Structure formats: structure tokens, C-alpha cells
PDB file of N, CA and C in Angstrom:
ATOM      1  N   MET A   1     -97.044 151.663 -12.588  1.00  0.00           N
ATOM      2  CA  MET A   1     -95.667 151.515 -12.999  1.00  0.00           C
ATOM      3  C   MET A   1     -95.504 150.184 -13.708  1.00  0.00           C
ATOM      4  N   SER A   2     -94.770 150.179 -14.771  1.00  0.00           N
ATOM      5  CA  SER A   2     -94.544 148.984 -15.567  1.00  0.00           C
ATOM      6  C   SER A   2     -93.662 147.993 -14.814  1.00  0.00           C
ATOM      7  N   GLU A   3     -93.848 146.719 -15.118  1.00  0.00           N
ATOM      8  CA  GLU A   3     -93.039 145.696 -14.469  1.00  0.00           C
ATOM      9  C   GLU A   3     -91.594 145.727 -14.951  1.00  0.00           C
ATOM     10  N   ASN A   4     -91.357 146.251 -16.154  1.00  0.00           N
ATOM     11  CA  ASN A   4     -90.014 146.274 -16.719  1.00  0.00           C
ATOM     12  C   ASN A   4     -89.177 147.431 -16.205  1.00  0.00           C
ATOM     13  N   GLU A   5     -89.782 148.430 -15.601  1.00  0.00           N
ATOM     14  CA  GLU A   5     -89.032 149.575 -15.093  1.00  0.00           C
ATOM     15  C   GLU A   5     -88.349 149.214 -13.787  1.00  0.00           C
ATOM     16  N   LYS A   6     -87.175 149.787 -13.577  1.00  0.00           N
ATOM     17  CA  LYS A   6     -86.440 149.541 -12.346  1.00  0.00           C
ATOM     18  C   LYS A   6     -87.009 150.398 -11.224  1.00  0.00           C
ATOM     19  N   ASP A   7     -86.991 149.861 -10.038  1.00  0.00           N
ATOM     20  CA  ASP A   7     -87.403 150.621  -8.867  1.00  0.00           C
ATOM     21  C   ASP A   7     -86.181 151.351  -8.335  1.00  0.00           C
ATOM     22  N   THR A   8     -86.081 152.644  -8.596  1.00  0.00           N
ATOM     23  CA  THR A   8     -84.886 153.406  -8.234  1.00  0.00           C
ATOM     24  C   THR A   8     -84.857 153.808  -6.766  1.00  0.00           C
ATOM     25  N   LYS A   9     -85.876 153.497  -6.008  1.00  0.00           N
ATOM     26  CA  LYS A   9     -85.894 153.879  -4.599  1.00  0.00           C
ATOM     27  C   LYS A   9     -84.952 153.018  -3.768  1.00  0.00           C
ATOM     28  N   ASN A  10     -84.713 151.781  -4.172  1.00  0.00           N
ATOM     29  CA  ASN A  10     -83.901 150.864  -3.375  1.00  0.00           C
ATOM     30  C   ASN A  10     -82.487 150.689  -3.912  1.00  0.00           C
ATOM     31  N   ILE A  11     -82.049 151.531  -4.828  1.00  0.00           N
ATOM     32  CA  ILE A  11     -80.715 151.429  -5.392  1.00  0.00           C
ATOM     33  C   ILE A  11     -79.779 152.368  -4.633  1.00  0.00           C
ATOM     34  N   THR A  12     -78.633 151.836  -4.242  1.00  0.00           N
ATOM     35  CA  THR A  12     -77.616 152.646  -3.585  1.00  0.00           C
ATOM     36  C   THR A  12     -76.603 153.067  -4.635  1.00  0.00           C
ATOM     37  N   TYR A  13     -76.452 154.360  -4.829  1.00  0.00           N
ATOM     38  CA  TYR A  13     -75.530 154.889  -5.825  1.00  0.00           C
ATOM     39  C   TYR A  13     -74.217 155.273  -5.170  1.00  0.00           C
ATOM     40  N   ARG A  14     -73.147 155.147  -5.928  1.00  0.00           N
ATOM     41  CA  ARG A  14     -71.818 155.564  -5.491  1.00  0.00           C
ATOM     42  C   ARG A  14     -71.479 156.878  -6.182  1.00  0.00           C
ATOM     43  N   CYS A  15     -70.658 157.682  -5.555  1.00  0.00           N
ATOM     44  CA  CYS A  15     -70.244 158.953  -6.142  1.00  0.00           C
ATOM     45  C   CYS A  15     -69.385 158.671  -7.366  1.00  0.00           C
ATOM     46  N   PRO A  16     -69.761 159.202  -8.533  1.00  0.00           N
ATOM     47  CA  PRO A  16     -68.979 158.913  -9.737  1.00  0.00           C
ATOM     48  C   PRO A  16     -67.583 159.520  -9.718  1.00  0.00           C
ATOM     49  N   CYS A  17     -67.409 160.658  -9.088  1.00  0.00           N
ATOM     50  CA  CYS A  17     -66.079 161.271  -9.022  1.00  0.00           C
ATOM     51  C   CYS A  17     -65.144 160.466  -8.128  1.00  0.00           C
ATOM     52  N   CYS A  18     -65.636 160.050  -6.991  1.00  0.00           N
ATOM     53  CA  CYS A  18     -64.825 159.229  -6.087  1.00  0.00           C
ATOM     54  C   CYS A  18     -64.617 157.840  -6.673  1.00  0.00           C
ATOM     55  N   PHE A  19     -65.620 157.316  -7.373  1.00  0.00           N
ATOM     56  CA  PHE A  19     -65.530 155.988  -7.967  1.00  0.00           C
ATOM     57  C   PHE A  19     -64.467 155.947  -9.056  1.00  0.00           C
ATOM     58  N   ASN A  20     -64.254 157.052  -9.774  1.00  0.00           N
ATOM     59  CA  ASN A  20     -63.181 157.126 -10.771  1.00  0.00           C
ATOM     60  C   ASN A  20     -61.809 157.017 -10.126  1.00  0.00           C
ATOM     61  N   ARG A  21     -61.713 157.399  -8.866  1.00  0.00           N
ATOM     62  CA  ARG A  21     -60.451 157.286  -8.125  1.00  0.00           C
ATOM     63  C   ARG A  21     -60.431 156.039  -7.255  1.00  0.00           C
ATOM     64  N   PHE A  22     -61.393 155.126  -7.508  1.00  0.00           N
ATOM     65  CA  PHE A  22     -61.509 153.842  -6.803  1.00  0.00           C
ATOM     66  C   PHE A  22     -61.707 154.013  -5.303  1.00  0.00           C
ATOM     67  N   ILE A  23     -62.478 155.035  -4.937  1.00  0.00           N
ATOM     68  CA  ILE A  23     -62.902 155.239  -3.559  1.00  0.00           C
ATOM     69  C   ILE A  23     -64.395 154.969  -3.529  1.00  0.00           C
ATOM     70  N   ASP A  24     -64.833 154.141  -2.615  1.00  0.00           N
ATOM     71  CA  ASP A  24     -66.231 153.727  -2.569  1.00  0.00           C
ATOM     72  C   ASP A  24     -66.998 154.582  -1.556  1.00  0.00           C
ATOM     73  N   VAL A  25     -67.672 155.622  -2.054  1.00  0.00           N
ATOM     74  CA  VAL A  25     -68.443 156.532  -1.216  1.00  0.00           C
ATOM     75  C   VAL A  25     -69.877 156.543  -1.721  1.00  0.00           C
ATOM     76  N   THR A  26     -70.829 156.271  -0.848  1.00  0.00           N
ATOM     77  CA  THR A  26     -72.229 156.330  -1.261  1.00  0.00           C
ATOM     78  C   THR A  26     -72.701 157.777  -1.258  1.00  0.00           C
ATOM     79  N   ILE A  27     -73.626 158.075  -2.151  1.00  0.00           N
ATOM     80  CA  ILE A  27     -74.198 159.418  -2.214  1.00  0.00           C
ATOM     81  C   ILE A  27     -75.666 159.323  -1.848  1.00  0.00           C
ATOM     82  N   GLU A  28     -76.175 160.380  -1.299  1.00  0.00           N
ATOM     83  CA  GLU A  28     -77.560 160.409  -0.846  1.00  0.00           C
ATOM     84  C   GLU A  28     -78.343 161.449  -1.624  1.00  0.00           C
ATOM     85  N   LYS A  29     -79.615 161.183  -1.773  1.00  0.00           N
ATOM     86  CA  LYS A  29     -80.506 162.078  -2.493  1.00  0.00           C
ATOM     87  C   LYS A  29     -81.137 163.055  -1.513  1.00  0.00           C
ATOM     88  N   ASP A  30     -81.079 164.343  -1.848  1.00  0.00           N
ATOM     89  CA  ASP A  30     -81.704 165.371  -1.027  1.00  0.00           C
ATOM     90  C   ASP A  30     -83.199 165.459  -1.331  1.00  0.00           C
ATOM     91  N   LYS A  31     -83.863 166.318  -0.605  1.00  0.00           N
ATOM     92  CA  LYS A  31     -85.296 166.519  -0.817  1.00  0.00           C
ATOM     93  C   LYS A  31     -85.611 167.069  -2.197  1.00  0.00           C
ATOM     94  N   ASP A  32     -84.664 167.841  -2.766  1.00  0.00           N
ATOM     95  CA  ASP A  32     -84.892 168.452  -4.070  1.00  0.00           C
ATOM     96  C   ASP A  32     -84.492 167.555  -5.237  1.00  0.00           C
ATOM     97  N   GLY A  33     -84.075 166.310  -4.979  1.00  0.00           N
ATOM     98  CA  GLY A  33     -83.749 165.354  -6.030  1.00  0.00           C
ATOM     99  C   GLY A  33     -82.313 165.406  -6.505  1.00  0.00           C
ATOM    100  N   ILE A  34     -81.454 166.129  -5.810  1.00  0.00           N
ATOM    101  CA  ILE A  34     -80.046 166.244  -6.171  1.00  0.00           C
ATOM    102  C   ILE A  34     -79.244 165.261  -5.318  1.00  0.00           C
ATOM    103  N   TYR A  35     -78.374 164.506  -5.986  1.00  0.00           N
ATOM    104  CA  TYR A  35     -77.473 163.593  -5.271  1.00  0.00           C
ATOM    105  C   TYR A  35     -76.219 164.345  -4.883  1.00  0.00           C
ATOM    106  N   ARG A  36     -75.787 164.190  -3.630  1.00  0.00           N
ATOM    107  CA  ARG A  36     -74.636 164.924  -3.119  1.00  0.00           C
ATOM    108  C   ARG A  36     -73.655 163.972  -2.440  1.00  0.00           C
ATOM    109  N   CYS A  37     -72.364 164.216  -2.705  1.00  0.00           N
ATOM    110  CA  CYS A  37     -71.293 163.450  -2.067  1.00  0.00           C
ATOM    111  C   CYS A  37     -70.697 164.299  -0.950  1.00  0.00           C
ATOM    112  N   LEU A  38     -70.547 163.712   0.217  1.00  0.00           N
ATOM    113  CA  LEU A  38     -69.990 164.449   1.345  1.00  0.00           C
ATOM    114  C   LEU A  38     -68.468 164.505   1.302  1.00  0.00           C
ATOM    115  N   LYS A  39     -67.850 163.588   0.573  1.00  0.00           N
ATOM    116  CA  LYS A  39     -66.393 163.545   0.539  1.00  0.00           C
ATOM    117  C   LYS A  39     -65.802 164.538  -0.460  1.00  0.00           C
ATOM    118  N   CYS A  40     -66.325 164.547  -1.706  1.00  0.00           N
ATOM    119  CA  CYS A  40     -65.699 165.391  -2.731  1.00  0.00           C
ATOM    120  C   CYS A  40     -66.562 166.579  -3.139  1.00  0.00           C
ATOM    121  N   GLY A  41     -67.819 166.610  -2.755  1.00  0.00           N
ATOM    122  CA  GLY A  41     -68.662 167.739  -3.098  1.00  0.00           C
ATOM    123  C   GLY A  41     -69.398 167.593  -4.418  1.00  0.00           C
ATOM    124  N   PHE A  42     -69.504 166.384  -4.966  1.00  0.00           N
ATOM    125  CA  PHE A  42     -70.238 166.167  -6.204  1.00  0.00           C
ATOM    126  C   PHE A  42     -71.707 166.473  -5.993  1.00  0.00           C
ATOM    127  N   ASN A  43     -72.305 167.224  -6.913  1.00  0.00           N
ATOM    128  CA  ASN A  43     -73.733 167.516  -6.924  1.00  0.00           C
ATOM    129  C   ASN A  43     -74.254 167.194  -8.306  1.00  0.00           C
ATOM    130  N   GLY A  44     -75.353 166.451  -8.389  1.00  0.00           N
ATOM    131  CA  GLY A  44     -75.904 166.160  -9.703  1.00  0.00           C
ATOM    132  C   GLY A  44     -77.214 165.419  -9.623  1.00  0.00           C
ATOM    133  N   THR A  45     -77.921 165.448 -10.729  1.00  0.00           N
ATOM    134  CA  THR A  45     -79.187 164.725 -10.824  1.00  0.00           C
ATOM    135  C   THR A  45     -78.899 163.259 -11.129  1.00  0.00           C
ATOM    136  N   ILE A  46     -79.960 162.473 -11.200  1.00  0.00           N
ATOM    137  CA  ILE A  46     -79.806 161.057 -11.507  1.00  0.00           C
ATOM    138  C   ILE A  46     -79.235 160.879 -12.908  1.00  0.00           C
ATOM    139  N   ASP A  47     -79.578 161.768 -13.828  1.00  0.00           N
ATOM    140  CA  ASP A  47     -79.032 161.691 -15.188  1.00  0.00           C
ATOM    141  C   ASP A  47     -77.527 161.934 -15.190  1.00  0.00           C
ATOM    142  N   ASP A  48     -77.054 162.871 -14.368  1.00  0.00           N
ATOM    143  CA  ASP A  48     -75.618 163.129 -14.263  1.00  0.00           C
ATOM    144  C   ASP A  48     -74.878 161.909 -13.718  1.00  0.00           C
ATOM    145  N   VAL A  49     -75.459 161.268 -12.724  1.00  0.00           N
ATOM    146  CA  VAL A  49     -74.845 160.082 -12.123  1.00  0.00           C
ATOM    147  C   VAL A  49     -74.786 158.940 -13.137  1.00  0.00           C
ATOM    148  N   LEU A  50     -75.883 158.692 -13.838  1.00  0.00           N
ATOM    149  CA  LEU A  50     -75.921 157.590 -14.804  1.00  0.00           C
ATOM    150  C   LEU A  50     -75.009 157.856 -16.003  1.00  0.00           C
ATOM    151  N   ASN A  51     -74.892 159.113 -16.440  1.00  0.00           N
ATOM    152  CA  ASN A  51     -73.962 159.449 -17.522  1.00  0.00           C
ATOM    153  C   ASN A  51     -72.514 159.233 -17.100  1.00  0.00           C
ATOM    154  N   ALA A  52     -72.189 159.582 -15.865  1.00  0.00           N
ATOM    155  CA  ALA A  52     -70.833 159.363 -15.368  1.00  0.00           C
ATOM    156  C   ALA A  52     -70.535 157.871 -15.256  1.00  0.00           C
ATOM    157  N   TYR A  53     -71.525 157.063 -14.856  1.00  0.00           N
ATOM    158  CA  TYR A  53     -71.355 155.611 -14.810  1.00  0.00           C
ATOM    159  C   TYR A  53     -71.110 155.045 -16.206  1.00  0.00           C
ATOM    160  N   SER A  54     -71.842 155.534 -17.202  1.00  0.00           N
ATOM    161  CA  SER A  54     -71.656 155.013 -18.559  1.00  0.00           C
ATOM    162  C   SER A  54     -70.288 155.411 -19.116  1.00  0.00           C
ATOM    163  N   ASN A  55     -69.797 156.600 -18.776  1.00  0.00           N
ATOM    164  CA  ASN A  55     -68.450 157.002 -19.184  1.00  0.00           C
ATOM    165  C   ASN A  55     -67.393 156.108 -18.539  1.00  0.00           C
ATOM    166  N   PHE A  56     -67.611 155.743 -17.282  1.00  0.00           N
ATOM    167  CA  PHE A  56     -66.683 154.866 -16.578  1.00  0.00           C
ATOM    168  C   PHE A  56     -66.678 153.472 -17.205  1.00  0.00           C
ATOM    169  N   ARG A  57     -67.859 152.951 -17.544  1.00  0.00           N
ATOM    170  CA  ARG A  57     -67.958 151.626 -18.159  1.00  0.00           C
ATOM    171  C   ARG A  57     -67.351 151.598 -19.556  1.00  0.00           C
ATOM    172  N   SER A  58     -67.434 152.706 -20.283  1.00  0.00           N
ATOM    173  CA  SER A  58     -66.911 152.725 -21.651  1.00  0.00           C
ATOM    174  C   SER A  58     -65.394 152.560 -21.680  1.00  0.00           C
ATOM    175  N   ARG A  59     -64.713 152.940 -20.615  1.00  0.00           N
ATOM    176  CA  ARG A  59     -63.264 152.767 -20.576  1.00  0.00           C
ATOM    177  C   ARG A  59     -62.856 151.307 -20.459  1.00  0.00           C
ATOM    178  N   TYR A  60     -63.748 150.485 -19.941  1.00  0.00           N
ATOM    179  CA  TYR A  60     -63.425 149.086 -19.701  1.00  0.00           C
ATOM    180  C   TYR A  60     -64.194 148.135 -20.609  1.00  0.00           C
ATOM    181  N   LYS A  61     -64.697 148.620 -21.751  1.00  0.00           N
ATOM    182  CA  LYS A  61     -65.519 147.781 -22.613  1.00  0.00           C
ATOM    183  C   LYS A  61     -64.716 146.683 -23.291  1.00  0.00           C
ATOM    184  N   LEU A  62     -63.422 146.882 -23.498  1.00  0.00           N
ATOM    185  CA  LEU A  62     -62.585 145.865 -24.131  1.00  0.00           C
ATOM    186  C   LEU A  62     -61.841 144.993 -23.122  1.00  0.00           C
ATOM    187  N   ARG A  63     -62.236 145.042 -21.893  1.00  0.00           N
ATOM    188  CA  ARG A  63     -61.516 144.340 -20.839  1.00  0.00           C
ATOM    189  C   ARG A  63     -61.512 142.832 -21.038  1.00  0.00           C
ATOM    190  N   GLY A  64     -62.596 142.269 -21.532  1.00  0.00           N
ATOM    191  CA  GLY A  64     -62.694 140.830 -21.683  1.00  0.00           C
ATOM    192  C   GLY A  64     -62.212 140.300 -23.016  1.00  0.00           C
ATOM    193  N   THR A  65     -61.727 141.156 -23.893  1.00  0.00           N
ATOM    194  CA  THR A  65     -61.277 140.709 -25.202  1.00  0.00           C
ATOM    195  C   THR A  65     -59.758 140.777 -25.299  1.00  0.00           C
ATOM    196  N   ARG A  66     -59.226 139.904 -26.106  1.00  0.00           N
ATOM    197  CA  ARG A  66     -57.778 139.889 -26.319  1.00  0.00           C
ATOM    198  C   ARG A  66     -57.455 140.785 -27.512  1.00  0.00           C
ATOM    199  N   ILE A  67     -56.544 141.705 -27.319  1.00  0.00           N
ATOM    200  CA  ILE A  67     -56.164 142.651 -28.365  1.00  0.00           C
ATOM    201  C   ILE A  67     -54.756 142.318 -28.830  1.00  0.00           C
ATOM    202  N   THR A  68     -54.608 142.147 -30.113  1.00  0.00           N
ATOM    203  CA  THR A  68     -53.288 141.827 -30.657  1.00  0.00           C
ATOM    204  C   THR A  68     -52.439 143.095 -30.744  1.00  0.00           C
ATOM    205  N   LEU A  69     -51.161 142.896 -30.995  1.00  0.00           N
ATOM    206  CA  LEU A  69     -50.251 144.031 -31.076  1.00  0.00           C
ATOM    207  C   LEU A  69     -50.586 144.922 -32.270  1.00  0.00           C
ATOM    208  N   ASP A  70     -51.020 144.326 -33.366  1.00  0.00           N
ATOM    209  CA  ASP A  70     -51.421 145.129 -34.529  1.00  0.00           C
ATOM    210  C   ASP A  70     -52.648 145.981 -34.233  1.00  0.00           C
ATOM    211  N   GLU A  71     -53.607 145.421 -33.502  1.00  0.00           N
ATOM    212  CA  GLU A  71     -54.799 146.187 -33.132  1.00  0.00           C
ATOM    213  C   GLU A  71     -54.440 147.339 -32.200  1.00  0.00           C
ATOM    214  N   GLN A  72     -53.500 147.103 -31.290  1.00  0.00           N
ATOM    215  CA  GLN A  72     -53.072 148.172 -30.389  1.00  0.00           C
ATOM    216  C   GLN A  72     -52.404 149.307 -31.159  1.00  0.00           C
ATOM    217  N   ARG A  73     -51.635 148.981 -32.154  1.00  0.00           N
ATOM    218  CA  ARG A  73     -50.963 150.016 -32.935  1.00  0.00           C
ATOM    219  C   ARG A  73     -51.948 150.849 -33.744  1.00  0.00           C
ATOM    220  N   ARG A  74     -53.060 150.226 -34.161  1.00  0.00           N
ATOM    221  CA  ARG A  74     -54.068 150.958 -34.924  1.00  0.00           C
ATOM    222  C   ARG A  74     -54.954 151.825 -34.049  1.00  0.00           C
ATOM    223  N   MET A  75     -54.933 151.629 -32.745  1.00  0.00           N
ATOM    224  CA  MET A  75     -55.804 152.399 -31.847  1.00  0.00           C
ATOM    225  C   MET A  75     -55.324 153.787 -31.701  1.00  0.00           C
TER     226      MET A  75
END
């Protein structure tokens, strides 16, 4: 394994559906490689979880920048 690759065995993932509602629920990986949430019933692979995380981050990409009123009107 390359030194630059992340070790995904020690990462704790949160349920993306619950995380969108600001509820912090950890999800566990089953024997078949599917991540499951006990609270909302989310089922998905690691790719589904990471895609949902990137969608969540994209909503807050302008959080640290100041947007003028003209820029808001053009959005």
C-alpha cells in the first residue's frame, strides 16, 4: 500500500442523511461492505457516502468569502 493512500479502516463515518439534518449518527460497515445507519435506514457503499459528503461540502464552499449584494443578485 502506498504511503499517500488513506487508511480507511480507522475512519469513523457519519450517516450522510442524518448529517444533512445535523444529527450526528455513526454508521457501521457490514461484512458485505455496505454502510448502514440504524437511525434512518441509509444503505450505501463507501462511494455513496463520499459522494454525499462532497454534496454537503459544496453547499458551504462560499462560507468563508464575503459576497456583495450585486453578487447575490447575480446568483
